[in-house]
Amino acid sequence: MTQQTAITKGVLVKVNTEYREDLSTITEGVYYFNYHITIENQNSYPVQLVHRDWFIYDSLFPSAHVSGEGVIGQQPVLEAGEIFSYASGCELRSEIGSMSGFYTFVHAETQETIRVDIPTFHLIYPGRMN
């Protein structure tokens, strides 16, 4: 499991990843990874996560941009000091890839839009490391 961290405008984003051998079929070129995201609002005011943009790189295929409202069907409001966590996954067709992106938050009091970076994290089939 690897961990990456970024902080933008008082919002901390931590990403942990793991390869899922049980969901992968390497003979068919299917490599599945889970990622666990923890978001902490370190500001003195509440913020709401309203949108996400992911950039997915798969070493043998064209990069993909995935965009949508919220995360896992939610648009959570994080009060000052609050932490929100969720997990999701990504299927690659090659042994090596990465993901990065950003969340769009809204300052709950001023309605200002805040772009928060998601750190780049690598998705590498463990057998590739030998």
N, C-alpha and C. Protein backbone atom coordinates (compact mmCIF):
# COMPACT_ATOMS: atom_id res chain seq x y z
N MET A 1 0.85 -1.18 0.00
CA MET A 1 0.00 0.00 0.00
C MET A 1 0.90 1.24 0.00
N THR A 2 0.55 2.20 -0.84
CA THR A 2 1.30 3.45 -0.89
C THR A 2 0.40 4.60 -0.47
N GLN A 3 1.01 5.68 0.00
CA GLN A 3 0.24 6.84 0.43
C GLN A 3 0.82 8.11 -0.18
N GLN A 4 -0.07 8.98 -0.65
CA GLN A 4 0.29 10.30 -1.16
C GLN A 4 -0.57 11.32 -0.44
N THR A 5 -0.02 12.52 -0.23
CA THR A 5 -0.73 13.57 0.49
C THR A 5 -0.55 14.91 -0.22
N ALA A 6 -1.61 15.73 -0.22
CA ALA A 6 -1.53 17.10 -0.74
C ALA A 6 -2.44 17.97 0.11
N ILE A 7 -2.08 19.24 0.22
CA ILE A 7 -2.95 20.20 0.91
C ILE A 7 -3.07 21.43 0.02
N THR A 8 -4.32 21.85 -0.18
CA THR A 8 -4.61 23.02 -1.00
C THR A 8 -5.64 23.87 -0.28
N LYS A 9 -5.30 25.11 -0.03
CA LYS A 9 -6.24 26.07 0.58
C LYS A 9 -6.92 25.50 1.82
N GLY A 10 -6.14 24.85 2.67
CA GLY A 10 -6.65 24.36 3.93
C GLY A 10 -7.40 23.05 3.88
N VAL A 11 -7.40 22.38 2.74
CA VAL A 11 -8.06 21.08 2.62
C VAL A 11 -6.98 20.03 2.32
N LEU A 12 -6.85 19.07 3.23
CA LEU A 12 -5.86 18.01 3.12
C LEU A 12 -6.48 16.80 2.44
N VAL A 13 -5.79 16.24 1.45
CA VAL A 13 -6.25 15.03 0.76
C VAL A 13 -5.16 13.98 0.87
N LYS A 14 -5.51 12.82 1.44
CA LYS A 14 -4.60 11.68 1.55
C LYS A 14 -5.15 10.54 0.71
N VAL A 15 -4.26 9.87 -0.01
CA VAL A 15 -4.66 8.74 -0.85
C VAL A 15 -3.81 7.53 -0.50
N ASN A 16 -4.46 6.42 -0.22
CA ASN A 16 -3.80 5.13 -0.04
C ASN A 16 -4.28 4.21 -1.14
N THR A 17 -3.37 3.44 -1.72
CA THR A 17 -3.75 2.54 -2.80
C THR A 17 -3.33 1.12 -2.47
N GLU A 18 -4.03 0.18 -3.09
CA GLU A 18 -3.63 -1.22 -2.98
C GLU A 18 -4.06 -1.98 -4.23
N TYR A 19 -3.23 -2.92 -4.63
CA TYR A 19 -3.53 -3.80 -5.76
C TYR A 19 -4.47 -4.88 -5.28
N ARG A 20 -5.50 -5.19 -6.07
CA ARG A 20 -6.49 -6.21 -5.72
C ARG A 20 -6.30 -7.44 -6.61
N GLU A 21 -5.50 -8.37 -6.13
CA GLU A 21 -5.26 -9.60 -6.88
C GLU A 21 -6.56 -10.38 -7.11
N ASP A 22 -7.46 -10.35 -6.13
CA ASP A 22 -8.71 -11.10 -6.22
C ASP A 22 -9.65 -10.57 -7.31
N LEU A 23 -9.50 -9.33 -7.72
CA LEU A 23 -10.35 -8.75 -8.76
C LEU A 23 -9.63 -8.61 -10.09
N SER A 24 -8.36 -8.96 -10.12
CA SER A 24 -7.55 -8.82 -11.34
C SER A 24 -7.45 -10.16 -12.07
N THR A 25 -7.29 -10.06 -13.38
CA THR A 25 -7.07 -11.24 -14.23
C THR A 25 -5.91 -10.89 -15.15
N ILE A 26 -4.70 -11.12 -14.69
CA ILE A 26 -3.53 -10.66 -15.45
C ILE A 26 -3.39 -11.36 -16.79
N THR A 27 -3.90 -12.58 -16.91
CA THR A 27 -3.83 -13.28 -18.21
C THR A 27 -4.69 -12.60 -19.26
N GLU A 28 -5.66 -11.81 -18.81
CA GLU A 28 -6.53 -11.07 -19.73
C GLU A 28 -6.21 -9.57 -19.72
N GLY A 29 -5.14 -9.20 -19.04
CA GLY A 29 -4.76 -7.79 -18.99
C GLY A 29 -5.69 -6.93 -18.17
N VAL A 30 -6.16 -7.44 -17.05
CA VAL A 30 -7.04 -6.68 -16.16
C VAL A 30 -6.34 -6.55 -14.81
N TYR A 31 -6.03 -5.31 -14.44
CA TYR A 31 -5.33 -5.01 -13.19
C TYR A 31 -6.20 -4.06 -12.38
N TYR A 32 -6.66 -4.50 -11.22
CA TYR A 32 -7.60 -3.72 -10.44
C TYR A 32 -6.93 -3.18 -9.18
N PHE A 33 -7.18 -1.91 -8.90
CA PHE A 33 -6.61 -1.24 -7.74
C PHE A 33 -7.72 -0.54 -6.95
N ASN A 34 -7.61 -0.59 -5.65
CA ASN A 34 -8.47 0.21 -4.78
C ASN A 34 -7.72 1.46 -4.36
N TYR A 35 -8.46 2.54 -4.17
CA TYR A 35 -7.87 3.74 -3.56
C TYR A 35 -8.80 4.21 -2.45
N HIS A 36 -8.18 4.62 -1.36
CA HIS A 36 -8.89 5.09 -0.18
C HIS A 36 -8.51 6.55 0.01
N ILE A 37 -9.52 7.41 0.03
CA ILE A 37 -9.31 8.85 0.13
C ILE A 37 -9.77 9.34 1.50
N THR A 38 -8.93 10.16 2.12
CA THR A 38 -9.29 10.86 3.36
C THR A 38 -9.14 12.35 3.10
N ILE A 39 -10.20 13.09 3.37
CA ILE A 39 -10.21 14.54 3.17
C ILE A 39 -10.44 15.20 4.52
N GLU A 40 -9.58 16.14 4.87
CA GLU A 40 -9.71 16.84 6.15
C GLU A 40 -9.81 18.34 5.89
N ASN A 41 -10.87 18.96 6.42
CA ASN A 41 -11.03 20.41 6.32
C ASN A 41 -10.28 21.07 7.47
N GLN A 42 -9.13 21.65 7.17
CA GLN A 42 -8.31 22.31 8.19
C GLN A 42 -8.61 23.80 8.30
N ASN A 43 -9.64 24.25 7.63
CA ASN A 43 -10.06 25.65 7.68
C ASN A 43 -10.93 25.91 8.90
N SER A 44 -11.21 27.18 9.15
CA SER A 44 -12.08 27.57 10.26
C SER A 44 -13.53 27.71 9.82
N TYR A 45 -13.83 27.32 8.60
CA TYR A 45 -15.18 27.44 8.04
C TYR A 45 -15.53 26.14 7.30
N PRO A 46 -16.83 25.88 7.13
CA PRO A 46 -17.24 24.66 6.43
C PRO A 46 -17.06 24.78 4.92
N VAL A 47 -16.82 23.63 4.28
CA VAL A 47 -16.72 23.55 2.83
C VAL A 47 -17.54 22.35 2.36
N GLN A 48 -18.04 22.44 1.12
CA GLN A 48 -18.80 21.33 0.54
C GLN A 48 -18.11 20.84 -0.72
N LEU A 49 -17.91 19.53 -0.80
CA LEU A 49 -17.34 18.91 -1.99
C LEU A 49 -18.48 18.75 -3.01
N VAL A 50 -18.37 19.42 -4.15
CA VAL A 50 -19.47 19.40 -5.12
C VAL A 50 -19.13 18.70 -6.43
N HIS A 51 -17.84 18.55 -6.74
CA HIS A 51 -17.46 18.00 -8.05
C HIS A 51 -16.10 17.35 -7.97
N ARG A 52 -15.85 16.40 -8.88
CA ARG A 52 -14.54 15.75 -8.96
C ARG A 52 -14.11 15.66 -10.41
N ASP A 53 -12.81 15.72 -10.63
CA ASP A 53 -12.21 15.51 -11.95
C ASP A 53 -11.01 14.60 -11.76
N TRP A 54 -11.02 13.46 -12.44
CA TRP A 54 -9.92 12.50 -12.39
C TRP A 54 -9.25 12.42 -13.75
N PHE A 55 -7.93 12.29 -13.73
CA PHE A 55 -7.15 12.04 -14.93
C PHE A 55 -6.47 10.69 -14.72
N ILE A 56 -6.83 9.72 -15.54
CA ILE A 56 -6.36 8.35 -15.38
C ILE A 56 -5.41 8.01 -16.51
N TYR A 57 -4.19 7.62 -16.14
CA TYR A 57 -3.17 7.26 -17.11
C TYR A 57 -2.97 5.75 -17.04
N ASP A 58 -3.09 5.09 -18.18
CA ASP A 58 -2.85 3.65 -18.32
C ASP A 58 -1.75 3.53 -19.37
N SER A 59 -0.62 2.95 -19.01
CA SER A 59 0.60 3.04 -19.83
C SER A 59 0.44 2.57 -21.28
N LEU A 60 -0.49 1.70 -21.56
CA LEU A 60 -0.65 1.19 -22.93
C LEU A 60 -1.88 1.74 -23.66
N PHE A 61 -2.62 2.60 -23.01
CA PHE A 61 -3.87 3.08 -23.59
C PHE A 61 -3.99 4.59 -23.43
N PRO A 62 -4.88 5.22 -24.18
CA PRO A 62 -5.05 6.67 -24.05
C PRO A 62 -5.49 7.05 -22.63
N SER A 63 -5.05 8.22 -22.19
CA SER A 63 -5.46 8.73 -20.88
C SER A 63 -6.95 9.03 -20.90
N ALA A 64 -7.56 8.98 -19.72
CA ALA A 64 -8.99 9.24 -19.61
C ALA A 64 -9.23 10.36 -18.61
N HIS A 65 -10.27 11.15 -18.87
CA HIS A 65 -10.71 12.20 -17.95
C HIS A 65 -12.11 11.82 -17.50
N VAL A 66 -12.28 11.67 -16.19
CA VAL A 66 -13.58 11.32 -15.62
C VAL A 66 -14.01 12.47 -14.73
N SER A 67 -15.22 12.97 -14.97
CA SER A 67 -15.71 14.13 -14.26
C SER A 67 -17.13 13.85 -13.77
N GLY A 68 -17.46 14.35 -12.59
CA GLY A 68 -18.82 14.14 -12.11
C GLY A 68 -19.09 14.89 -10.82
N GLU A 69 -20.35 14.86 -10.43
CA GLU A 69 -20.77 15.53 -9.20
C GLU A 69 -20.35 14.71 -7.99
N GLY A 70 -19.81 15.39 -6.99
CA GLY A 70 -19.50 14.75 -5.72
C GLY A 70 -18.62 13.53 -5.84
N VAL A 71 -18.69 12.68 -4.81
CA VAL A 71 -17.97 11.41 -4.79
C VAL A 71 -18.89 10.33 -4.23
N ILE A 72 -18.83 9.16 -4.79
CA ILE A 72 -19.64 8.00 -4.40
C ILE A 72 -21.10 8.39 -4.09
N GLY A 73 -21.66 9.23 -4.94
CA GLY A 73 -23.06 9.62 -4.79
C GLY A 73 -23.33 10.65 -3.71
N GLN A 74 -22.29 11.25 -3.17
CA GLN A 74 -22.45 12.22 -2.08
C GLN A 74 -21.79 13.55 -2.42
N GLN A 75 -22.30 14.60 -1.80
CA GLN A 75 -21.68 15.93 -1.85
C GLN A 75 -21.54 16.40 -0.41
N PRO A 76 -20.57 15.82 0.30
CA PRO A 76 -20.49 16.07 1.75
C PRO A 76 -20.09 17.49 2.11
N VAL A 77 -20.67 17.97 3.21
CA VAL A 77 -20.25 19.23 3.82
C VAL A 77 -19.30 18.86 4.95
N LEU A 78 -18.11 19.44 4.94
CA LEU A 78 -17.13 19.20 5.99
C LEU A 78 -17.04 20.45 6.86
N GLU A 79 -17.45 20.31 8.09
CA GLU A 79 -17.32 21.41 9.04
C GLU A 79 -15.84 21.63 9.34
N ALA A 80 -15.51 22.73 9.97
CA ALA A 80 -14.12 23.01 10.35
C ALA A 80 -13.57 21.84 11.15
N GLY A 81 -12.43 21.30 10.72
CA GLY A 81 -11.79 20.19 11.41
C GLY A 81 -12.35 18.81 11.10
N GLU A 82 -13.40 18.74 10.32
CA GLU A 82 -14.04 17.45 10.03
C GLU A 82 -13.27 16.66 8.97
N ILE A 83 -13.38 15.33 9.08
CA ILE A 83 -12.74 14.40 8.15
C ILE A 83 -13.81 13.58 7.45
N PHE A 84 -13.63 13.38 6.15
CA PHE A 84 -14.52 12.54 5.34
C PHE A 84 -13.64 11.54 4.60
N SER A 85 -14.04 10.27 4.62
CA SER A 85 -13.28 9.23 3.93
C SER A 85 -14.20 8.41 3.04
N TYR A 86 -13.63 7.91 1.94
CA TYR A 86 -14.35 7.00 1.07
C TYR A 86 -13.35 6.14 0.31
N ALA A 87 -13.87 5.09 -0.31
CA ALA A 87 -13.02 4.18 -1.09
C ALA A 87 -13.67 3.93 -2.44
N SER A 88 -12.84 3.70 -3.43
CA SER A 88 -13.31 3.37 -4.77
C SER A 88 -12.22 2.55 -5.45
N GLY A 89 -12.37 2.33 -6.74
CA GLY A 89 -11.40 1.51 -7.44
C GLY A 89 -11.21 1.93 -8.88
N CYS A 90 -10.16 1.37 -9.48
CA CYS A 90 -9.82 1.68 -10.86
C CYS A 90 -9.28 0.42 -11.53
N GLU A 91 -9.78 0.14 -12.71
CA GLU A 91 -9.31 -0.99 -13.50
C GLU A 91 -8.41 -0.48 -14.61
N LEU A 92 -7.21 -1.04 -14.68
CA LEU A 92 -6.28 -0.71 -15.76
C LEU A 92 -6.17 -1.91 -16.70
N ARG A 93 -5.73 -1.64 -17.91
CA ARG A 93 -5.50 -2.70 -18.89
C ARG A 93 -4.00 -2.97 -19.07
N SER A 94 -3.17 -2.31 -18.28
CA SER A 94 -1.73 -2.54 -18.30
C SER A 94 -1.22 -2.59 -16.86
N GLU A 95 0.05 -2.95 -16.71
CA GLU A 95 0.63 -3.13 -15.38
C GLU A 95 0.95 -1.83 -14.65
N ILE A 96 1.02 -0.74 -15.39
CA ILE A 96 1.45 0.53 -14.80
C ILE A 96 0.49 1.64 -15.19
N GLY A 97 0.12 2.43 -14.20
CA GLY A 97 -0.72 3.60 -14.46
C GLY A 97 -0.64 4.57 -13.30
N SER A 98 -1.43 5.61 -13.39
CA SER A 98 -1.50 6.58 -12.31
C SER A 98 -2.82 7.33 -12.40
N MET A 99 -3.15 7.99 -11.31
CA MET A 99 -4.33 8.85 -11.27
C MET A 99 -3.95 10.15 -10.58
N SER A 100 -4.61 11.21 -10.99
CA SER A 100 -4.49 12.51 -10.33
C SER A 100 -5.77 13.26 -10.62
N GLY A 101 -5.88 14.44 -10.08
CA GLY A 101 -7.08 15.22 -10.36
C GLY A 101 -7.30 16.32 -9.36
N PHE A 102 -8.57 16.71 -9.26
CA PHE A 102 -8.91 17.76 -8.29
C PHE A 102 -10.38 17.66 -7.92
N TYR A 103 -10.67 18.17 -6.73
CA TYR A 103 -12.04 18.31 -6.25
C TYR A 103 -12.41 19.78 -6.33
N THR A 104 -13.67 20.04 -6.58
CA THR A 104 -14.19 21.40 -6.48
C THR A 104 -15.03 21.47 -5.22
N PHE A 105 -14.62 22.36 -4.34
CA PHE A 105 -15.35 22.62 -3.10
C PHE A 105 -15.98 23.99 -3.18
N VAL A 106 -16.99 24.21 -2.36
CA VAL A 106 -17.61 25.53 -2.22
C VAL A 106 -17.51 25.93 -0.75
N HIS A 107 -17.00 27.14 -0.52
CA HIS A 107 -16.96 27.73 0.82
C HIS A 107 -18.41 27.91 1.24
N ALA A 108 -18.83 27.26 2.31
CA ALA A 108 -20.24 27.23 2.69
C ALA A 108 -20.80 28.59 3.09
N GLU A 109 -19.93 29.53 3.46
CA GLU A 109 -20.42 30.84 3.89
C GLU A 109 -20.39 31.88 2.77
N THR A 110 -19.33 31.88 1.95
CA THR A 110 -19.19 32.90 0.91
C THR A 110 -19.57 32.40 -0.49
N GLN A 111 -19.74 31.08 -0.62
CA GLN A 111 -20.03 30.43 -1.90
C GLN A 111 -18.86 30.50 -2.89
N GLU A 112 -17.68 30.88 -2.40
CA GLU A 112 -16.47 30.89 -3.24
C GLU A 112 -16.13 29.46 -3.65
N THR A 113 -15.74 29.28 -4.91
CA THR A 113 -15.31 27.98 -5.42
C THR A 113 -13.84 27.77 -5.08
N ILE A 114 -13.53 26.57 -4.59
CA ILE A 114 -12.16 26.24 -4.18
C ILE A 114 -11.74 24.96 -4.92
N ARG A 115 -10.67 25.06 -5.69
CA ARG A 115 -10.12 23.88 -6.38
C ARG A 115 -9.06 23.24 -5.49
N VAL A 116 -9.25 21.97 -5.16
CA VAL A 116 -8.35 21.25 -4.26
C VAL A 116 -7.71 20.09 -5.02
N ASP A 117 -6.38 20.10 -5.05
CA ASP A 117 -5.65 19.07 -5.79
C ASP A 117 -5.73 17.70 -5.12
N ILE A 118 -5.85 16.68 -5.96
CA ILE A 118 -5.70 15.29 -5.52
C ILE A 118 -4.29 14.89 -5.95
N PRO A 119 -3.45 14.44 -5.02
CA PRO A 119 -2.07 14.14 -5.41
C PRO A 119 -2.00 12.99 -6.41
N THR A 120 -1.01 13.05 -7.29
CA THR A 120 -0.79 11.95 -8.22
C THR A 120 -0.40 10.71 -7.44
N PHE A 121 -1.06 9.60 -7.76
CA PHE A 121 -0.66 8.34 -7.14
C PHE A 121 -0.51 7.28 -8.23
N HIS A 122 0.49 6.42 -8.02
CA HIS A 122 0.84 5.42 -9.02
C HIS A 122 0.13 4.11 -8.73
N LEU A 123 -0.26 3.44 -9.79
CA LEU A 123 -0.92 2.14 -9.71
C LEU A 123 -0.01 1.16 -10.46
N ILE A 124 0.69 0.32 -9.71
CA ILE A 124 1.68 -0.56 -10.32
C ILE A 124 1.44 -1.99 -9.85
N TYR A 125 1.29 -2.89 -10.80
CA TYR A 125 1.14 -4.31 -10.51
C TYR A 125 2.37 -4.78 -9.74
N PRO A 126 2.19 -5.39 -8.55
CA PRO A 126 3.35 -5.78 -7.72
C PRO A 126 4.34 -6.70 -8.44
N GLY A 127 3.88 -7.54 -9.35
CA GLY A 127 4.76 -8.43 -10.10
C GLY A 127 5.72 -7.67 -10.99
N ARG A 128 5.38 -6.45 -11.31
CA ARG A 128 6.23 -5.59 -12.15
C ARG A 128 7.45 -5.10 -11.36
N MET A 129 7.34 -5.10 -10.06
CA MET A 129 8.40 -4.58 -9.20
C MET A 129 9.54 -5.57 -9.01
N ASN A 130 9.37 -6.82 -9.41
CA ASN A 130 10.40 -7.85 -9.21
C ASN A 130 11.41 -7.85 -10.32
